[in-house]
Amino acid sequence: MTDVAWTGTPVRAHEGARDNGSESLPWGGRRERLPLKWPFAEAVDGFRRKALANSDYDPASTFVWGQMMAVGLIEALKAVEERFGEEGHDVFRKALSDVGDKIVAEMTDGVEAPADAAPNEMTSLIASWINEVCYASIEKPRVGDTGADFDIHYCPHEDVYGAFDCRVQRYYVEGMIAAARRAFGAGMFDVRFTSTIPSGSSVCHFDMFPKSDEQADEWNDYSDRLRSRALDIVNVTHEQPGAGS
């Protein structure tokens, strides 16, 4: 990884991220405890039957397609911010949040939580579904006495994104959290990240913790700060001599 991501955003490479043990971590097994549904179920079935069943098909091409769609969203967001400012950003953010909401609503439809699952375990299990299925990542989850956390050892975007680009993924998660709370109760935990691979860590680390009704969502609050930062960048660019000429 260089010091500039594919998207042109600054990135701090960490050599340990290349060899952080992702290839030996388990994947998928713990999700059996909470049998959610795969989103896009009919399309997933078609992909397995028509593409993965074809011995000549290279799944890496699906990876390239996904990256193209992901960086396209980043460039579209930056263009909308440049052209329409706050209003453009907020419309874009809500659209991504709505998609995240719809995905998790589809995954949780008709699913009941295990009767003996504590809120921290439930939050961790939902996070595993989102990490492994929605984000095609490899995680190392932990459930503590009161909270939970996880490390992402492999993210498909880790060699393509800069740290600031991850805000696009955050907006999906805003909607995912909202849908999970509707499905399993407001006791679903809030989330914060403490490190990411593009920002110089060997893993992406996230903490999940209980939140009272009186407290604001820390996840969304941090997204708001990123929004301000992005719009500041746009304003500074406009103020540069010759900008827009």
C-alpha atoms as a PDB file:
ATOM      1  CA  MET A   1       0.000   0.000   0.000  1.00  0.00           C
ATOM      2  CA  THR A   2       1.344   3.424  -0.931  1.00  0.00           C
ATOM      3  CA  ASP A   3       0.761   6.676   0.980  1.00  0.00           C
ATOM      4  CA  VAL A   4      -2.075   7.570  -1.407  1.00  0.00           C
ATOM      5  CA  ALA A   5      -5.103   5.338  -1.906  1.00  0.00           C
ATOM      6  CA  TRP A   6      -6.550   4.430  -5.324  1.00  0.00           C
ATOM      7  CA  THR A   7      -9.136   7.145  -4.714  1.00  0.00           C
ATOM      8  CA  GLY A   8      -6.399   9.730  -4.188  1.00  0.00           C
ATOM      9  CA  THR A   9      -7.058  10.017  -0.458  1.00  0.00           C
ATOM     10  CA  PRO A  10      -4.052   9.956   1.929  1.00  0.00           C
ATOM     11  CA  VAL A  11      -3.441   6.623   3.628  1.00  0.00           C
ATOM     12  CA  ARG A  12      -0.943   5.412   6.203  1.00  0.00           C
ATOM     13  CA  ALA A  13       0.210   1.912   5.408  1.00  0.00           C
ATOM     14  CA  HIS A  14       0.925  -0.585   8.204  1.00  0.00           C
ATOM     15  CA  GLU A  15       3.052  -3.558   7.193  1.00  0.00           C
ATOM     16  CA  GLY A  16       1.332  -5.691   9.820  1.00  0.00           C
ATOM     17  CA  ALA A  17      -1.950  -5.396   7.956  1.00  0.00           C
ATOM     18  CA  ARG A  18      -0.494  -7.549   5.199  1.00  0.00           C
ATOM     19  CA  ASP A  19       0.131 -10.416   7.588  1.00  0.00           C
ATOM     20  CA  ASN A  20      -2.398 -10.134  10.421  1.00  0.00           C
ATOM     21  CA  GLY A  21      -3.640 -13.717  10.388  1.00  0.00           C
ATOM     22  CA  SER A  22      -6.862 -13.215   8.438  1.00  0.00           C
ATOM     23  CA  GLU A  23      -6.293 -16.350   6.368  1.00  0.00           C
ATOM     24  CA  SER A  24      -6.510 -18.589   9.452  1.00  0.00           C
ATOM     25  CA  LEU A  25      -9.509 -17.036  11.221  1.00  0.00           C
ATOM     26  CA  PRO A  26     -12.900 -18.816  11.216  1.00  0.00           C
ATOM     27  CA  TRP A  27     -15.684 -17.411   9.070  1.00  0.00           C
ATOM     28  CA  GLY A  28     -19.430 -17.953   9.166  1.00  0.00           C
ATOM     29  CA  GLY A  29     -19.856 -20.446  11.985  1.00  0.00           C
ATOM     30  CA  ARG A  30     -21.025 -18.172  14.766  1.00  0.00           C
ATOM     31  CA  ARG A  31     -23.826 -16.741  12.598  1.00  0.00           C
ATOM     32  CA  GLU A  32     -25.699 -20.023  13.048  1.00  0.00           C
ATOM     33  CA  ARG A  33     -26.624 -18.821  16.537  1.00  0.00           C
ATOM     34  CA  LEU A  34     -28.749 -16.059  14.947  1.00  0.00           C
ATOM     35  CA  PRO A  35     -30.063 -17.351  11.603  1.00  0.00           C
ATOM     36  CA  LEU A  36     -30.702 -14.135   9.715  1.00  0.00           C
ATOM     37  CA  LYS A  37     -31.514 -14.129   6.008  1.00  0.00           C
ATOM     38  CA  TRP A  38     -29.126 -13.261   3.223  1.00  0.00           C
ATOM     39  CA  PRO A  39     -29.997  -9.945   1.597  1.00  0.00           C
ATOM     40  CA  PHE A  40     -30.648  -9.994  -2.146  1.00  0.00           C
ATOM     41  CA  ALA A  41     -31.521 -13.674  -1.661  1.00  0.00           C
ATOM     42  CA  GLU A  42     -32.757 -14.358  -5.193  1.00  0.00           C
ATOM     43  CA  ALA A  43     -29.737 -12.633  -6.727  1.00  0.00           C
ATOM     44  CA  VAL A  44     -27.386 -14.518  -4.374  1.00  0.00           C
ATOM     45  CA  ASP A  45     -28.931 -17.786  -5.530  1.00  0.00           C
ATOM     46  CA  GLY A  46     -28.433 -16.773  -9.154  1.00  0.00           C
ATOM     47  CA  PHE A  47     -24.793 -15.853  -8.493  1.00  0.00           C
ATOM     48  CA  ARG A  48     -24.110 -19.228  -6.912  1.00  0.00           C
ATOM     49  CA  ARG A  49     -25.925 -21.189  -9.625  1.00  0.00           C
ATOM     50  CA  LYS A  50     -24.739 -19.292 -12.684  1.00  0.00           C
ATOM     51  CA  ALA A  51     -21.360 -17.809 -11.784  1.00  0.00           C
ATOM     52  CA  LEU A  52     -19.789 -19.754  -8.918  1.00  0.00           C
ATOM     53  CA  ALA A  53     -20.952 -23.031 -10.447  1.00  0.00           C
ATOM     54  CA  ASN A  54     -19.006 -22.202 -13.629  1.00  0.00           C
ATOM     55  CA  SER A  55     -15.510 -23.606 -13.150  1.00  0.00           C
ATOM     56  CA  ASP A  56     -14.056 -21.018 -15.539  1.00  0.00           C
ATOM     57  CA  TYR A  57     -15.467 -18.066 -13.615  1.00  0.00           C
ATOM     58  CA  ASP A  58     -12.928 -16.182 -11.518  1.00  0.00           C
ATOM     59  CA  PRO A  59     -14.604 -14.677  -8.402  1.00  0.00           C
ATOM     60  CA  ALA A  60     -11.882 -12.024  -8.374  1.00  0.00           C
ATOM     61  CA  SER A  61     -13.790 -10.332 -11.188  1.00  0.00           C
ATOM     62  CA  THR A  62     -16.728  -9.893  -8.793  1.00  0.00           C
ATOM     63  CA  PHE A  63     -14.274  -8.272  -6.388  1.00  0.00           C
ATOM     64  CA  VAL A  64     -13.174  -5.831  -9.100  1.00  0.00           C
ATOM     65  CA  TRP A  65     -16.806  -5.053  -9.926  1.00  0.00           C
ATOM     66  CA  GLY A  66     -17.519  -4.353  -6.257  1.00  0.00           C
ATOM     67  CA  GLN A  67     -14.530  -2.026  -5.965  1.00  0.00           C
ATOM     68  CA  MET A  68     -15.651  -0.156  -9.061  1.00  0.00           C
ATOM     69  CA  MET A  69     -19.073   0.404  -7.512  1.00  0.00           C
ATOM     70  CA  ALA A  70     -17.544   1.428  -4.180  1.00  0.00           C
ATOM     71  CA  VAL A  71     -15.084   3.994  -5.517  1.00  0.00           C
ATOM     72  CA  GLY A  72     -17.786   5.265  -7.859  1.00  0.00           C
ATOM     73  CA  LEU A  73     -19.874   6.147  -4.800  1.00  0.00           C
ATOM     74  CA  ILE A  74     -16.941   7.989  -3.248  1.00  0.00           C
ATOM     75  CA  GLU A  75     -16.340  10.022  -6.380  1.00  0.00           C
ATOM     76  CA  ALA A  76     -20.063  10.715  -6.731  1.00  0.00           C
ATOM     77  CA  LEU A  77     -20.267  11.916  -3.121  1.00  0.00           C
ATOM     78  CA  LYS A  78     -17.297  14.234  -3.583  1.00  0.00           C
ATOM     79  CA  ALA A  79     -18.796  15.612  -6.798  1.00  0.00           C
ATOM     80  CA  VAL A  80     -22.178  16.199  -5.150  1.00  0.00           C
ATOM     81  CA  GLU A  81     -20.504  17.933  -2.204  1.00  0.00           C
ATOM     82  CA  GLU A  82     -18.513  20.117  -4.595  1.00  0.00           C
ATOM     83  CA  ARG A  83     -21.574  21.087  -6.612  1.00  0.00           C
ATOM     84  CA  PHE A  84     -24.365  21.216  -4.009  1.00  0.00           C
ATOM     85  CA  GLY A  85     -22.618  21.563  -0.649  1.00  0.00           C
ATOM     86  CA  GLU A  86     -24.509  20.658   2.531  1.00  0.00           C
ATOM     87  CA  GLU A  87     -27.758  19.800   0.793  1.00  0.00           C
ATOM     88  CA  GLY A  88     -26.050  17.488  -1.668  1.00  0.00           C
ATOM     89  CA  HIS A  89     -24.099  15.739   1.074  1.00  0.00           C
ATOM     90  CA  ASP A  90     -27.185  15.215   3.223  1.00  0.00           C
ATOM     91  CA  VAL A  91     -29.264  13.834   0.351  1.00  0.00           C
ATOM     92  CA  PHE A  92     -26.465  11.416  -0.532  1.00  0.00           C
ATOM     93  CA  ARG A  93     -25.949  10.360   3.087  1.00  0.00           C
ATOM     94  CA  LYS A  94     -29.639   9.653   3.598  1.00  0.00           C
ATOM     95  CA  ALA A  95     -29.793   7.583   0.414  1.00  0.00           C
ATOM     96  CA  LEU A  96     -26.967   5.329   1.651  1.00  0.00           C
ATOM     97  CA  SER A  97     -28.508   5.107   5.122  1.00  0.00           C
ATOM     98  CA  ASP A  98     -31.839   4.102   3.584  1.00  0.00           C
ATOM     99  CA  VAL A  99     -30.143   1.316   1.623  1.00  0.00           C
ATOM    100  CA  GLY A 100     -28.439   0.033   4.782  1.00  0.00           C
ATOM    101  CA  ASP A 101     -31.771   0.113   6.592  1.00  0.00           C
ATOM    102  CA  LYS A 102     -33.494  -1.841   3.831  1.00  0.00           C
ATOM    103  CA  ILE A 103     -30.747  -4.477   3.731  1.00  0.00           C
ATOM    104  CA  VAL A 104     -30.885  -5.258   7.455  1.00  0.00           C
ATOM    105  CA  ALA A 105     -34.697  -5.066   7.474  1.00  0.00           C
ATOM    106  CA  GLU A 106     -34.643  -7.759   4.785  1.00  0.00           C
ATOM    107  CA  MET A 107     -32.150  -9.846   6.775  1.00  0.00           C
ATOM    108  CA  THR A 108     -34.116  -9.666  10.039  1.00  0.00           C
ATOM    109  CA  ASP A 109     -37.652 -10.018   8.671  1.00  0.00           C
ATOM    110  CA  GLY A 110     -39.485 -12.656  10.716  1.00  0.00           C
ATOM    111  CA  VAL A 111     -36.366 -13.618  12.693  1.00  0.00           C
ATOM    112  CA  GLU A 112     -36.569 -13.932  16.479  1.00  0.00           C
ATOM    113  CA  ALA A 113     -33.638 -13.462  18.820  1.00  0.00           C
ATOM    114  CA  PRO A 114     -32.492 -16.503  20.827  1.00  0.00           C
ATOM    115  CA  ALA A 115     -34.282 -16.354  24.182  1.00  0.00           C
ATOM    116  CA  ASP A 116     -31.041 -16.699  26.139  1.00  0.00           C
ATOM    117  CA  ALA A 117     -29.034 -14.117  24.164  1.00  0.00           C
ATOM    118  CA  ALA A 118     -27.947 -11.072  26.181  1.00  0.00           C
ATOM    119  CA  PRO A 119     -27.943  -7.671  24.432  1.00  0.00           C
ATOM    120  CA  ASN A 120     -24.151  -7.645  24.039  1.00  0.00           C
ATOM    121  CA  GLU A 121     -24.183 -11.089  22.400  1.00  0.00           C
ATOM    122  CA  MET A 122     -27.045 -10.111  20.111  1.00  0.00           C
ATOM    123  CA  THR A 123     -25.206  -6.977  19.032  1.00  0.00           C
ATOM    124  CA  SER A 124     -22.083  -9.024  18.369  1.00  0.00           C
ATOM    125  CA  LEU A 125     -23.974 -11.601  16.300  1.00  0.00           C
ATOM    126  CA  ILE A 126     -25.636  -8.937  14.173  1.00  0.00           C
ATOM    127  CA  ALA A 127     -22.235  -7.319  13.697  1.00  0.00           C
ATOM    128  CA  SER A 128     -20.884 -10.656  12.454  1.00  0.00           C
ATOM    129  CA  TRP A 129     -23.649 -10.864   9.854  1.00  0.00           C
ATOM    130  CA  ILE A 130     -22.927  -7.326   8.703  1.00  0.00           C
ATOM    131  CA  ASN A 131     -19.153  -7.815   8.718  1.00  0.00           C
ATOM    132  CA  GLU A 132     -19.081 -11.178   6.967  1.00  0.00           C
ATOM    133  CA  VAL A 133     -22.074 -10.985   4.638  1.00  0.00           C
ATOM    134  CA  CYS A 134     -22.622  -7.302   3.864  1.00  0.00           C
ATOM    135  CA  TYR A 135     -18.972  -6.249   3.977  1.00  0.00           C
ATOM    136  CA  ALA A 136     -17.330  -9.544   2.915  1.00  0.00           C
ATOM    137  CA  SER A 137     -14.807  -9.121   5.706  1.00  0.00           C
ATOM    138  CA  ILE A 138     -12.934 -11.444   8.053  1.00  0.00           C
ATOM    139  CA  GLU A 139     -13.401 -10.569  11.708  1.00  0.00           C
ATOM    140  CA  LYS A 140     -12.244 -11.580  15.172  1.00  0.00           C
ATOM    141  CA  PRO A 141     -15.201 -10.947  17.525  1.00  0.00           C
ATOM    142  CA  ARG A 142     -15.228 -10.885  21.328  1.00  0.00           C
ATOM    143  CA  VAL A 143     -18.143 -10.722  23.788  1.00  0.00           C
ATOM    144  CA  GLY A 144     -17.297  -9.378  27.244  1.00  0.00           C
ATOM    145  CA  ASP A 145     -19.220  -9.151  30.485  1.00  0.00           C
ATOM    146  CA  THR A 146     -21.021  -5.948  29.486  1.00  0.00           C
ATOM    147  CA  GLY A 147     -19.920  -5.002  25.978  1.00  0.00           C
ATOM    148  CA  ALA A 148     -18.464  -6.523  22.838  1.00  0.00           C
ATOM    149  CA  ASP A 149     -15.871  -5.652  20.230  1.00  0.00           C
ATOM    150  CA  PHE A 150     -14.313  -6.963  17.055  1.00  0.00           C
ATOM    151  CA  ASP A 151     -11.255  -6.606  14.899  1.00  0.00           C
ATOM    152  CA  ILE A 152     -11.515  -6.617  11.123  1.00  0.00           C
ATOM    153  CA  HIS A 153      -8.479  -8.498   9.829  1.00  0.00           C
ATOM    154  CA  TYR A 154      -9.486  -8.260   6.191  1.00  0.00           C
ATOM    155  CA  CYS A 155     -11.704  -5.689   4.481  1.00  0.00           C
ATOM    156  CA  PRO A 156     -12.092  -5.731   0.688  1.00  0.00           C
ATOM    157  CA  HIS A 157     -11.512  -1.965   0.633  1.00  0.00           C
ATOM    158  CA  GLU A 158      -8.333  -1.915   2.708  1.00  0.00           C
ATOM    159  CA  ASP A 159      -6.005  -1.590  -0.304  1.00  0.00           C
ATOM    160  CA  VAL A 160      -8.281   0.789  -2.218  1.00  0.00           C
ATOM    161  CA  TYR A 161      -9.660   3.275   0.333  1.00  0.00           C
ATOM    162  CA  GLY A 162      -8.038   5.987   2.361  1.00  0.00           C
ATOM    163  CA  ALA A 163      -9.326   6.418   5.906  1.00  0.00           C
ATOM    164  CA  PHE A 164     -11.606   9.315   4.978  1.00  0.00           C
ATOM    165  CA  ASP A 165     -13.235   7.250   2.237  1.00  0.00           C
ATOM    166  CA  CYS A 166     -14.674   4.891   4.858  1.00  0.00           C
ATOM    167  CA  ARG A 167     -17.318   7.513   5.650  1.00  0.00           C
ATOM    168  CA  VAL A 168     -19.331   6.118   2.739  1.00  0.00           C
ATOM    169  CA  GLN A 169     -19.541   2.783   4.549  1.00  0.00           C
ATOM    170  CA  ARG A 170     -20.484   4.559   7.789  1.00  0.00           C
ATOM    171  CA  TYR A 171     -23.630   5.941   6.176  1.00  0.00           C
ATOM    172  CA  TYR A 172     -24.816   2.457   5.251  1.00  0.00           C
ATOM    173  CA  VAL A 173     -24.231   1.394   8.867  1.00  0.00           C
ATOM    174  CA  GLU A 174     -26.384   4.245  10.202  1.00  0.00           C
ATOM    175  CA  GLY A 175     -29.377   2.654   8.507  1.00  0.00           C
ATOM    176  CA  MET A 176     -28.299  -0.856   9.493  1.00  0.00           C
ATOM    177  CA  ILE A 177     -28.223   0.101  13.176  1.00  0.00           C
ATOM    178  CA  ALA A 178     -31.675   1.683  12.922  1.00  0.00           C
ATOM    179  CA  ALA A 179     -33.147  -1.445  11.312  1.00  0.00           C
ATOM    180  CA  ALA A 180     -31.521  -3.752  13.878  1.00  0.00           C
ATOM    181  CA  ARG A 181     -32.977  -1.697  16.721  1.00  0.00           C
ATOM    182  CA  ARG A 182     -36.440  -1.896  15.204  1.00  0.00           C
ATOM    183  CA  ALA A 183     -36.115  -5.650  14.853  1.00  0.00           C
ATOM    184  CA  PHE A 184     -34.571  -6.514  18.210  1.00  0.00           C
ATOM    185  CA  GLY A 185     -35.213  -3.532  20.472  1.00  0.00           C
ATOM    186  CA  ALA A 186     -33.640  -0.215  21.344  1.00  0.00           C
ATOM    187  CA  GLY A 187     -31.188  -2.064  23.612  1.00  0.00           C
ATOM    188  CA  MET A 188     -28.964  -2.715  20.609  1.00  0.00           C
ATOM    189  CA  PHE A 189     -25.574  -1.237  21.379  1.00  0.00           C
ATOM    190  CA  ASP A 190     -23.906   1.827  19.954  1.00  0.00           C
ATOM    191  CA  VAL A 191     -20.623   1.453  18.058  1.00  0.00           C
ATOM    192  CA  ARG A 192     -17.343   3.312  17.811  1.00  0.00           C
ATOM    193  CA  PHE A 193     -14.125   2.565  15.958  1.00  0.00           C
ATOM    194  CA  THR A 194     -10.698   3.083  17.511  1.00  0.00           C
ATOM    195  CA  SER A 195      -8.432   2.127  14.609  1.00  0.00           C
ATOM    196  CA  THR A 196      -8.598   1.333  10.901  1.00  0.00           C
ATOM    197  CA  ILE A 197      -6.182  -0.259   8.460  1.00  0.00           C
ATOM    198  CA  PRO A 198      -6.093   2.767   6.105  1.00  0.00           C
ATOM    199  CA  SER A 199      -5.298   5.034   9.081  1.00  0.00           C
ATOM    200  CA  GLY A 200      -2.206   3.068  10.061  1.00  0.00           C
ATOM    201  CA  SER A 201      -3.332   0.041  12.101  1.00  0.00           C
ATOM    202  CA  SER A 202      -2.835  -3.657  11.420  1.00  0.00           C
ATOM    203  CA  VAL A 203      -6.602  -4.202  11.962  1.00  0.00           C
ATOM    204  CA  CYS A 204      -9.795  -2.165  12.112  1.00  0.00           C
ATOM    205  CA  HIS A 205     -11.035  -2.216  15.719  1.00  0.00           C
ATOM    206  CA  PHE A 206     -14.616  -1.474  16.784  1.00  0.00           C
ATOM    207  CA  ASP A 207     -16.150  -1.302  20.267  1.00  0.00           C
ATOM    208  CA  MET A 208     -19.849  -1.939  20.932  1.00  0.00           C
ATOM    209  CA  PHE A 209     -21.352  -0.635  24.149  1.00  0.00           C
ATOM    210  CA  PRO A 210     -24.738   0.045  25.796  1.00  0.00           C
ATOM    211  CA  LYS A 211     -26.347   3.439  25.314  1.00  0.00           C
ATOM    212  CA  SER A 212     -29.122   5.063  27.339  1.00  0.00           C
ATOM    213  CA  ASP A 213     -32.109   6.645  25.635  1.00  0.00           C
ATOM    214  CA  GLU A 214     -30.840  10.066  26.743  1.00  0.00           C
ATOM    215  CA  GLN A 215     -27.479   9.684  25.025  1.00  0.00           C
ATOM    216  CA  ALA A 216     -26.915  10.638  21.421  1.00  0.00           C
ATOM    217  CA  ASP A 217     -25.684   7.962  19.014  1.00  0.00           C
ATOM    218  CA  GLU A 218     -21.905   8.099  19.054  1.00  0.00           C
ATOM    219  CA  TRP A 219     -21.752   6.456  15.616  1.00  0.00           C
ATOM    220  CA  ASN A 220     -23.946   9.118  14.047  1.00  0.00           C
ATOM    221  CA  ASP A 221     -22.253  11.930  15.969  1.00  0.00           C
ATOM    222  CA  TYR A 222     -18.888  10.967  14.522  1.00  0.00           C
ATOM    223  CA  SER A 223     -20.460  10.806  11.068  1.00  0.00           C
ATOM    224  CA  ASP A 224     -21.637  14.379  11.622  1.00  0.00           C
ATOM    225  CA  ARG A 225     -18.070  15.438  12.391  1.00  0.00           C
ATOM    226  CA  LEU A 226     -16.865  13.802   9.195  1.00  0.00           C
ATOM    227  CA  ARG A 227     -19.606  15.663   7.340  1.00  0.00           C
ATOM    228  CA  SER A 228     -18.279  18.956   8.687  1.00  0.00           C
ATOM    229  CA  ARG A 229     -14.757  18.022   7.725  1.00  0.00           C
ATOM    230  CA  ALA A 230     -15.795  17.132   4.188  1.00  0.00           C
ATOM    231  CA  LEU A 231     -17.667  20.401   3.721  1.00  0.00           C
ATOM    232  CA  ASP A 232     -14.699  22.333   5.146  1.00  0.00           C
ATOM    233  CA  ILE A 233     -12.510  20.708   2.490  1.00  0.00           C
ATOM    234  CA  VAL A 234     -14.954  21.807  -0.190  1.00  0.00           C
ATOM    235  CA  ASN A 235     -14.993  25.365   1.170  1.00  0.00           C
ATOM    236  CA  VAL A 236     -11.205  25.560   1.332  1.00  0.00           C
ATOM    237  CA  THR A 237     -10.986  24.312  -2.246  1.00  0.00           C
ATOM    238  CA  HIS A 238     -13.402  27.011  -3.390  1.00  0.00           C
ATOM    239  CA  GLU A 239     -11.323  29.670  -1.638  1.00  0.00           C
ATOM    240  CA  GLN A 240      -8.097  28.718  -3.404  1.00  0.00           C
ATOM    241  CA  PRO A 241      -6.853  31.247  -6.002  1.00  0.00           C
ATOM    242  CA  GLY A 242      -8.090  30.279  -9.428  1.00  0.00           C
ATOM    243  CA  ALA A 243     -10.590  27.747  -8.087  1.00  0.00           C
ATOM    244  CA  GLY A 244     -13.494  27.250 -10.415  1.00  0.00           C
ATOM    245  CA  SER A 245     -11.770  29.086 -13.241  1.00  0.00           C
END
